[in-house]
Amino acid sequence: MTQTIFTGGQFLDVKTKQLVGGVEVLIEDDIVREVSDKPITASSATRIDLAGKTLMPGLVDAHVHVVATLVDLAANAELPSSLVALRTSKIMNGMLMRGFTTVRDLAGADLGLKLAVEEGLIDGPRLVICGKALGQTGGHTDYRTRFDNRPLHEASLGALGRICNGISEVRTAAREEIRNGADFIKIMANGGVASPTDPIHVLQYSREEIIAVVEEANNVGTYVSAHVYTDQAIRRAVECGVHSLEHCNLIEKETAELAAKSGAIACPTLAAYEGLAMEGEAFGLKPDSVAKIETVRTGGLRSLQILHDAGVPMAYGSDLLGQLHKYQSIEFTTRNKVLPAADIIQSATLISAKLCRMEGKIGELTPGAFADLIVVDGNPLEEIGVLEQHDKLKAIMKGGQFYKNELAA
């Protein structure tokens, strides 16, 4: 048994949104054992003086694509799976070194990658997966151009999704992904930026198909996540029982209120459009996709206010691809143009933990939770941008193990 006590810093209580002094935290092996405003006695523990720095839970990104090693997703699907896996290891390590100790993958990652993290073969965040995303022919998982009628590389690790049409096929696909280890199911219910033949406004999957997938997820005690941008697509998804609403850039007030009433959680992903606007074309994003970026980018900040006013919980998502993963943390300051820092931090901890179905285990430092934490040189409640300055992250711990430690012994 190993014990570590963190003392002398400011403790960021994500539940109360307050920075508290005089708190000590005892880590025992991979678990938070005690959090106290009085000195903790543990004779065998190593005591680490934080010298006024901020101790907070490890961050949770609830919308990533760890196997998206290229911005060009069609080309990514053609890569050898072994190459994708090795590149993914590097991508996931980068996420961990940005302070993200858990990520929810929204298409592509498989059970093998999840087990590789658990076995210590990859130094990366905890991984929550949906397997392949389900999409219709010509939809957001179909990366073929109009002149390409070749079969997709659906068996490749680099393929983020699979095509299935009709109630029977979507039921089978959902069951297969669950059998293969999916923690939840992802569907494409709207047009998207990265796919070449579906404008943003296009509705995808019939109501009957969506309801069938929701039933399959509910049957095994999990939920459905949907890629949605337009107000019509979001409302339809909520009415069909979808729980996790990805993006939501073009949502309107009445639909947001319906989503809140239904208990849905939204996961905006503004970092993706900022990254794509800056460098997407340079890294292979096709002209048809580049033209679609501004449609969703301009609505992003407005959607945050609408969701906030309606009381829809918002998780933290980045949704970056390939060479753009480096922009994962800019979601903090982008959202801060509209939302308070404390709310954004809750998005990247408590609320994202709910979508990972790991409440009480991640996204908080409470007794019984995993010892996932970061130590920040600064006060994120006053200046959330410190979470984007990776030199300000002085320590990163996951499961009681330091992956970065620049603290004085």
Protein backbone atom coordinates (compact mmCIF):
# COMPACT_ATOMS: atom_id res chain seq x y z
CA MET A 1 0.00 0.00 0.00
CA THR A 2 1.28 3.47 -0.91
CA GLN A 3 -0.02 6.67 0.65
CA THR A 4 0.39 10.29 -0.40
CA ILE A 5 -0.94 13.39 1.35
CA PHE A 6 -1.36 16.65 -0.56
CA THR A 7 -1.22 19.67 1.73
CA GLY A 8 -0.60 23.40 1.66
CA GLY A 9 -2.58 24.22 -1.48
CA GLN A 10 -5.97 25.49 -2.54
CA PHE A 11 -8.59 22.77 -3.02
CA LEU A 12 -11.01 23.33 -5.92
CA ASP A 13 -14.36 21.91 -4.81
CA VAL A 14 -16.14 21.36 -8.14
CA LYS A 15 -19.47 20.70 -6.43
CA THR A 16 -19.62 24.03 -4.60
CA LYS A 17 -17.57 25.88 -7.24
CA GLN A 18 -15.28 27.22 -4.52
CA LEU A 19 -11.57 27.33 -3.86
CA VAL A 20 -10.92 26.24 -0.27
CA GLY A 21 -7.75 26.57 1.76
CA GLY A 22 -6.53 24.33 4.56
CA VAL A 23 -7.70 21.06 2.95
CA GLU A 24 -5.57 17.91 2.98
CA VAL A 25 -6.15 14.96 0.63
CA LEU A 26 -4.96 11.43 1.34
CA ILE A 27 -4.37 9.13 -1.63
CA GLU A 28 -4.11 5.42 -0.88
CA ASP A 29 -2.96 3.33 -3.84
CA ASP A 30 -5.34 4.34 -6.65
CA ILE A 31 -8.17 5.78 -4.50
CA VAL A 32 -8.93 9.03 -2.69
CA ARG A 33 -9.13 7.81 0.91
CA GLU A 34 -9.75 11.02 2.86
CA VAL A 35 -10.41 14.73 2.28
CA SER A 36 -10.24 16.84 5.43
CA ASP A 37 -10.02 20.43 6.61
CA LYS A 38 -7.90 19.13 9.51
CA PRO A 39 -4.41 17.60 9.39
CA ILE A 40 -4.50 13.96 8.27
CA THR A 41 -2.44 11.48 10.25
CA ALA A 42 -0.82 8.71 8.24
CA SER A 43 2.67 7.83 9.44
CA SER A 44 3.74 6.02 6.28
CA ALA A 45 2.41 8.64 3.86
CA THR A 46 4.57 10.85 1.67
CA ARG A 47 3.55 14.47 2.27
CA ILE A 48 3.62 16.82 -0.72
CA ASP A 49 3.44 20.57 -0.05
CA LEU A 50 1.55 22.27 -2.89
CA ALA A 51 2.83 25.70 -1.85
CA GLY A 52 -0.43 27.47 -2.59
CA LYS A 53 -1.09 25.82 -5.95
CA THR A 54 -4.56 24.55 -6.89
CA LEU A 55 -5.48 20.90 -6.45
CA MET A 56 -8.44 19.77 -8.55
CA PRO A 57 -9.90 16.63 -10.16
CA GLY A 58 -8.48 15.28 -13.38
CA LEU A 59 -10.30 16.66 -16.41
CA VAL A 60 -12.84 14.67 -18.44
CA ASP A 61 -13.32 15.22 -22.18
CA ALA A 62 -16.66 13.69 -23.17
CA HIS A 63 -16.25 13.94 -26.95
CA VAL A 64 -12.98 12.78 -28.52
CA HIS A 65 -11.89 10.62 -31.46
CA VAL A 66 -8.68 8.96 -30.36
CA VAL A 67 -8.31 6.89 -33.56
CA ALA A 68 -8.73 9.93 -35.82
CA THR A 69 -5.05 10.22 -36.66
CA LEU A 70 -5.77 12.31 -39.77
CA VAL A 71 -8.17 15.19 -40.44
CA ASP A 72 -9.11 13.39 -43.66
CA LEU A 73 -11.28 10.63 -42.21
CA ALA A 74 -11.60 8.74 -45.50
CA ALA A 75 -7.81 8.46 -45.68
CA ASN A 76 -7.68 7.57 -41.98
CA ALA A 77 -9.94 4.57 -42.60
CA GLU A 78 -7.55 3.27 -45.27
CA LEU A 79 -4.55 3.14 -42.92
CA PRO A 80 -3.34 -0.19 -41.51
CA SER A 81 -4.96 -0.81 -38.13
CA SER A 82 -1.56 -1.43 -36.54
CA LEU A 83 -0.38 2.03 -37.60
CA VAL A 84 -3.59 3.64 -36.32
CA ALA A 85 -3.18 1.90 -32.96
CA LEU A 86 0.39 3.13 -32.53
CA ARG A 87 -0.54 6.67 -33.54
CA THR A 88 -3.52 6.50 -31.17
CA SER A 89 -1.19 5.69 -28.29
CA LYS A 90 0.66 8.94 -28.93
CA ILE A 91 -2.60 10.92 -29.27
CA MET A 92 -3.92 9.54 -25.98
CA ASN A 93 -0.68 10.30 -24.18
CA GLY A 94 -1.00 13.90 -25.37
CA MET A 95 -4.51 14.07 -23.89
CA LEU A 96 -3.29 12.78 -20.55
CA MET A 97 -0.48 15.34 -20.51
CA ARG A 98 -3.07 18.09 -20.98
CA GLY A 99 -4.69 16.97 -17.74
CA PHE A 100 -7.48 14.83 -19.20
CA THR A 101 -7.51 11.67 -17.10
CA THR A 102 -10.70 10.26 -18.68
CA VAL A 103 -12.06 10.63 -22.21
CA ARG A 104 -15.26 9.41 -23.84
CA ASP A 105 -14.63 8.32 -27.41
CA LEU A 106 -17.46 9.16 -29.81
CA ALA A 107 -16.62 6.82 -32.68
CA GLY A 108 -13.86 4.41 -33.54
CA ALA A 109 -12.02 3.34 -30.41
CA ASP A 110 -12.43 -0.35 -29.66
CA LEU A 111 -12.23 -2.60 -26.63
CA GLY A 112 -8.60 -3.43 -27.37
CA LEU A 113 -7.54 0.18 -26.84
CA LYS A 114 -9.56 0.37 -23.63
CA LEU A 115 -7.89 -2.78 -22.32
CA ALA A 116 -4.46 -1.51 -23.40
CA VAL A 117 -4.94 1.55 -21.16
CA GLU A 118 -6.15 -0.60 -18.27
CA GLU A 119 -3.15 -2.94 -18.64
CA GLY A 120 -0.73 -0.01 -18.74
CA LEU A 121 0.36 -0.60 -22.34
CA ILE A 122 -0.75 2.94 -23.21
CA ASP A 123 -0.06 5.91 -20.94
CA GLY A 124 -3.36 7.58 -21.64
CA PRO A 125 -6.66 8.59 -20.07
CA ARG A 126 -9.33 6.15 -18.95
CA LEU A 127 -11.33 5.31 -22.06
CA VAL A 128 -15.12 5.10 -22.40
CA ILE A 129 -16.21 3.85 -25.84
CA CYS A 130 -19.16 3.51 -28.20
CA GLY A 131 -17.33 1.40 -30.76
CA LYS A 132 -18.24 2.33 -34.34
CA ALA A 133 -20.80 5.09 -34.81
CA LEU A 134 -23.93 4.04 -36.68
CA GLY A 135 -24.86 5.99 -39.79
CA GLN A 136 -26.97 5.69 -42.90
CA THR A 137 -25.84 5.46 -46.52
CA GLY A 138 -24.80 8.96 -47.58
CA GLY A 139 -24.74 10.07 -43.95
CA HIS A 140 -22.09 11.33 -41.57
CA THR A 141 -20.23 8.00 -41.39
CA ASP A 142 -20.11 7.72 -45.19
CA TYR A 143 -16.90 9.43 -46.31
CA ARG A 144 -17.11 8.41 -49.97
CA THR A 145 -17.42 11.10 -52.62
CA ARG A 146 -20.34 10.99 -55.05
CA PHE A 147 -18.18 9.15 -57.58
CA ASP A 148 -16.84 6.53 -55.21
CA ASN A 149 -18.99 3.42 -54.83
CA ARG A 150 -16.35 1.15 -53.36
CA PRO A 151 -17.12 -0.64 -50.09
CA LEU A 152 -16.02 1.21 -46.96
CA HIS A 153 -13.14 0.02 -44.79
CA GLU A 154 -15.49 -0.62 -41.87
CA ALA A 155 -13.33 -3.32 -40.32
CA SER A 156 -10.34 -0.97 -40.06
CA LEU A 157 -9.54 0.56 -36.67
CA GLY A 158 -9.24 3.89 -38.46
CA ALA A 159 -12.87 3.82 -39.63
CA LEU A 160 -14.91 5.84 -37.17
CA GLY A 161 -18.27 4.44 -38.20
CA ARG A 162 -20.29 1.78 -40.00
CA ILE A 163 -23.24 2.03 -42.36
CA CYS A 164 -26.54 0.37 -41.49
CA ASN A 165 -29.99 1.08 -42.91
CA GLY A 166 -33.45 0.07 -41.77
CA ILE A 167 -34.77 -1.05 -38.40
CA SER A 168 -33.40 -4.58 -38.67
CA GLU A 169 -29.88 -3.46 -39.60
CA VAL A 170 -29.62 -0.76 -36.94
CA ARG A 171 -30.80 -3.18 -34.26
CA THR A 172 -28.18 -5.72 -35.34
CA ALA A 173 -25.46 -3.08 -35.48
CA ALA A 174 -26.31 -1.78 -32.01
CA ARG A 175 -26.27 -5.31 -30.60
CA GLU A 176 -22.93 -6.03 -32.26
CA GLU A 177 -21.31 -2.89 -30.87
CA ILE A 178 -22.58 -3.72 -27.38
CA ARG A 179 -21.30 -7.29 -27.72
CA ASN A 180 -17.95 -5.89 -28.79
CA GLY A 181 -17.67 -3.84 -25.60
CA ALA A 182 -19.41 -0.53 -26.30
CA ASP A 183 -20.36 1.41 -23.16
CA PHE A 184 -23.06 3.34 -25.09
CA ILE A 185 -24.25 3.68 -28.69
CA LYS A 186 -23.56 6.60 -31.05
CA ILE A 187 -25.74 7.47 -34.06
CA MET A 188 -25.42 10.12 -36.74
CA ALA A 189 -28.76 11.92 -36.87
CA ASN A 190 -27.77 15.03 -38.86
CA GLY A 191 -25.44 16.19 -41.61
CA GLY A 192 -21.85 16.94 -40.68
CA VAL A 193 -18.71 18.86 -41.57
CA ALA A 194 -16.24 16.02 -42.22
CA SER A 195 -18.51 13.96 -44.52
CA PRO A 196 -18.63 15.13 -48.15
CA THR A 197 -22.18 14.52 -49.41
CA ASP A 198 -24.53 15.50 -46.55
CA PRO A 199 -25.28 19.19 -45.93
CA ILE A 200 -25.60 20.24 -42.29
CA HIS A 201 -29.42 20.51 -42.44
CA VAL A 202 -30.00 16.93 -43.62
CA LEU A 203 -31.91 14.73 -41.17
CA GLN A 204 -30.48 11.22 -40.89
CA TYR A 205 -32.24 8.05 -39.81
CA SER A 206 -36.00 7.80 -39.57
CA ARG A 207 -37.72 8.19 -36.23
CA GLU A 208 -38.40 4.47 -36.26
CA GLU A 209 -34.72 3.66 -36.73
CA ILE A 210 -33.66 6.00 -33.90
CA ILE A 211 -36.29 4.58 -31.55
CA ALA A 212 -35.09 1.04 -32.36
CA VAL A 213 -31.50 1.92 -31.42
CA VAL A 214 -32.66 3.64 -28.24
CA GLU A 215 -34.60 0.52 -27.29
CA GLU A 216 -31.56 -1.69 -27.85
CA ALA A 217 -29.43 0.60 -25.66
CA ASN A 218 -32.09 0.77 -22.96
CA ASN A 219 -32.41 -3.01 -22.99
CA VAL A 220 -28.85 -3.34 -21.71
CA GLY A 221 -29.01 -0.38 -19.36
CA THR A 222 -27.17 2.20 -21.41
CA TYR A 223 -28.03 5.15 -23.66
CA VAL A 224 -27.77 6.62 -27.16
CA SER A 225 -25.63 9.59 -28.15
CA ALA A 226 -26.52 11.49 -31.34
CA HIS A 227 -24.56 13.77 -33.64
CA VAL A 228 -26.97 16.70 -34.09
CA TYR A 229 -26.62 20.32 -35.18
CA THR A 230 -29.97 21.73 -36.29
CA ASP A 231 -32.90 22.53 -34.05
CA GLN A 232 -35.12 20.09 -35.95
CA ALA A 233 -32.64 17.24 -35.62
CA ILE A 234 -32.11 17.90 -31.91
CA ARG A 235 -35.84 18.01 -31.16
CA ARG A 236 -36.43 14.79 -33.07
CA ALA A 237 -33.60 13.05 -31.22
CA VAL A 238 -34.94 14.13 -27.83
CA GLU A 239 -38.46 13.00 -28.74
CA CYS A 240 -37.05 9.59 -29.73
CA GLY A 241 -35.30 9.13 -26.39
CA VAL A 242 -31.70 10.10 -27.18
CA HIS A 243 -29.86 11.04 -23.98
CA SER A 244 -26.56 12.59 -25.12
CA LEU A 245 -26.79 15.45 -27.63
CA GLU A 246 -23.50 16.16 -29.39
CA HIS A 247 -22.70 19.65 -30.75
CA CYS A 248 -26.17 21.34 -30.70
CA ASN A 249 -24.85 24.48 -32.45
CA LEU A 250 -28.15 25.52 -34.03
CA ILE A 251 -30.52 24.78 -31.14
CA GLU A 252 -33.40 27.13 -30.27
CA LYS A 253 -34.98 28.03 -26.94
CA GLU A 254 -38.04 25.76 -27.07
CA THR A 255 -36.03 22.68 -28.03
CA ALA A 256 -33.48 23.39 -25.31
CA GLU A 257 -36.29 23.55 -22.77
CA LEU A 258 -37.62 20.21 -24.05
CA ALA A 259 -34.14 18.70 -23.74
CA ALA A 260 -33.84 19.95 -20.17
CA LYS A 261 -37.23 18.51 -19.26
CA SER A 262 -36.29 15.14 -20.76
CA GLY A 263 -33.08 14.93 -18.70
CA ALA A 264 -30.80 15.00 -21.74
CA ILE A 265 -27.19 16.21 -21.53
CA ALA A 266 -25.64 18.35 -24.25
CA CYS A 267 -22.00 18.15 -25.26
CA PRO A 268 -20.94 21.26 -27.22
CA THR A 269 -17.65 20.96 -29.11
CA LEU A 270 -16.54 24.45 -30.08
CA ALA A 271 -12.83 23.62 -30.11
CA ALA A 272 -13.40 21.47 -33.19
CA TYR A 273 -14.59 24.36 -35.36
CA GLU A 274 -11.86 26.68 -34.12
CA GLY A 275 -9.23 24.07 -34.96
CA LEU A 276 -10.74 23.24 -38.34
CA ALA A 277 -11.04 26.93 -39.24
CA MET A 278 -7.39 27.51 -38.38
CA GLU A 279 -5.77 24.48 -39.98
CA GLY A 280 -8.35 22.02 -41.28
CA GLU A 281 -7.78 22.74 -44.95
CA ALA A 282 -4.00 22.56 -44.57
CA PHE A 283 -4.30 19.07 -43.13
CA GLY A 284 -6.55 17.62 -45.80
CA LEU A 285 -10.12 18.73 -45.06
CA LYS A 286 -11.95 18.67 -48.39
CA PRO A 287 -13.38 21.93 -49.88
CA ASP A 288 -16.98 20.74 -49.39
CA SER A 289 -16.28 20.31 -45.70
CA VAL A 290 -14.37 23.59 -45.32
CA ALA A 291 -17.41 25.42 -46.71
CA LYS A 292 -19.59 23.95 -43.95
CA ILE A 293 -17.45 25.01 -41.00
CA GLU A 294 -18.78 28.57 -40.62
CA THR A 295 -22.40 27.38 -40.60
CA VAL A 296 -21.90 25.61 -37.29
CA ARG A 297 -19.06 27.73 -35.94
CA THR A 298 -21.05 30.95 -35.83
CA GLY A 299 -23.92 29.33 -33.96
CA GLY A 300 -21.74 27.74 -31.31
CA LEU A 301 -21.47 30.56 -28.77
CA ARG A 302 -25.15 31.42 -29.13
CA SER A 303 -26.06 27.79 -28.43
CA LEU A 304 -24.14 27.88 -25.14
CA GLN A 305 -26.29 30.72 -23.87
CA ILE A 306 -29.50 29.03 -25.00
CA LEU A 307 -28.56 25.74 -23.35
CA HIS A 308 -27.47 27.51 -20.17
CA ASP A 309 -30.67 29.56 -19.91
CA ALA A 310 -32.80 26.44 -20.43
CA GLY A 311 -30.95 24.53 -17.72
CA VAL A 312 -29.52 21.82 -19.97
CA PRO A 313 -26.40 20.29 -18.36
CA MET A 314 -23.39 20.67 -20.66
CA ALA A 315 -20.46 18.27 -20.75
CA TYR A 316 -17.02 19.22 -22.08
CA GLY A 317 -16.16 18.12 -25.61
CA SER A 318 -13.38 18.89 -28.08
CA ASP A 319 -14.14 16.60 -31.09
CA LEU A 320 -10.77 17.19 -32.74
CA LEU A 321 -9.21 15.16 -35.54
CA GLY A 322 -5.70 14.23 -36.59
CA GLN A 323 -3.17 17.01 -36.34
CA LEU A 324 -5.69 19.23 -34.53
CA HIS A 325 -5.79 17.26 -31.24
CA LYS A 326 -3.31 19.83 -29.90
CA TYR A 327 -6.21 22.31 -29.59
CA GLN A 328 -8.09 20.12 -27.08
CA SER A 329 -7.88 22.64 -24.23
CA ILE A 330 -9.03 25.76 -26.10
CA GLU A 331 -12.62 24.76 -25.35
CA PHE A 332 -12.11 26.39 -21.93
CA THR A 333 -11.46 29.97 -23.10
CA THR A 334 -13.81 29.62 -26.07
CA ARG A 335 -16.73 28.80 -23.77
CA ASN A 336 -15.60 31.47 -21.31
CA LYS A 337 -16.71 34.10 -23.82
CA VAL A 338 -20.25 33.20 -22.73
CA LEU A 339 -20.14 31.04 -19.60
CA PRO A 340 -18.58 31.49 -16.13
CA ALA A 341 -15.35 29.62 -15.49
CA ALA A 342 -16.89 27.62 -12.62
CA ASP A 343 -19.62 26.25 -14.89
CA ILE A 344 -17.09 25.23 -17.53
CA ILE A 345 -14.99 23.44 -14.95
CA GLN A 346 -18.09 21.53 -13.82
CA SER A 347 -18.63 20.59 -17.47
CA ALA A 348 -15.12 19.11 -17.61
CA THR A 349 -15.56 17.22 -14.34
CA LEU A 350 -18.94 16.35 -12.79
CA ILE A 351 -21.15 16.61 -15.88
CA SER A 352 -18.79 14.74 -18.19
CA ALA A 353 -18.48 12.08 -15.48
CA LYS A 354 -22.24 11.52 -15.77
CA LEU A 355 -21.97 10.86 -19.51
CA CYS A 356 -19.19 8.40 -18.76
CA ARG A 357 -21.54 6.78 -16.21
CA MET A 358 -18.78 7.07 -13.61
CA GLU A 359 -20.28 9.52 -11.12
CA GLY A 360 -18.49 9.39 -7.80
CA LYS A 361 -15.44 7.74 -9.40
CA ILE A 362 -14.08 10.45 -11.72
CA GLY A 363 -14.48 14.22 -12.03
CA GLU A 364 -14.32 14.80 -8.27
CA LEU A 365 -11.95 14.35 -5.36
CA THR A 366 -14.10 12.67 -2.74
CA PRO A 367 -13.51 9.54 -0.64
CA GLY A 368 -13.83 6.45 -2.83
CA ALA A 369 -13.14 8.25 -6.11
CA PHE A 370 -10.21 7.30 -8.31
CA ALA A 371 -7.06 9.25 -7.51
CA ASP A 372 -7.24 11.24 -10.75
CA LEU A 373 -6.05 14.80 -10.17
CA ILE A 374 -4.09 17.74 -11.48
CA VAL A 375 -2.14 20.46 -9.68
CA VAL A 376 -2.36 23.87 -11.33
CA ASP A 377 -0.11 26.87 -10.81
CA GLY A 378 -2.90 29.44 -10.73
CA ASN A 379 -6.58 29.85 -9.99
CA PRO A 380 -8.80 28.42 -12.77
CA LEU A 381 -11.90 30.06 -11.26
CA GLU A 382 -10.37 33.50 -11.84
CA GLU A 383 -8.40 32.70 -15.00
CA ILE A 384 -9.59 29.57 -16.75
CA GLY A 385 -6.92 30.02 -19.38
CA VAL A 386 -4.37 28.45 -17.01
CA LEU A 387 -5.88 25.09 -17.95
CA GLU A 388 -4.70 25.72 -21.53
CA GLN A 389 -1.16 26.59 -20.44
CA HIS A 390 0.30 23.17 -20.02
CA ASP A 391 3.41 24.49 -18.31
CA LYS A 392 1.01 25.56 -15.53
CA LEU A 393 0.02 21.92 -14.95
CA LYS A 394 2.62 21.03 -12.35
CA ALA A 395 1.35 17.52 -11.63
CA ILE A 396 -0.92 15.00 -13.33
CA MET A 397 -1.98 11.86 -11.50
CA LYS A 398 -4.22 9.06 -12.73
CA GLY A 399 -5.14 6.14 -10.54
CA GLY A 400 -2.62 7.19 -7.91
CA GLN A 401 0.29 7.23 -10.39
CA PHE A 402 2.09 10.41 -11.34
CA TYR A 403 2.43 10.92 -15.09
CA LYS A 404 3.86 14.39 -14.54
CA ASN A 405 5.33 15.72 -11.31
CA GLU A 406 7.13 19.05 -11.07
CA LEU A 407 6.29 19.53 -7.38
CA ALA A 408 8.99 19.90 -4.78
CA ALA A 409 9.34 16.76 -2.68
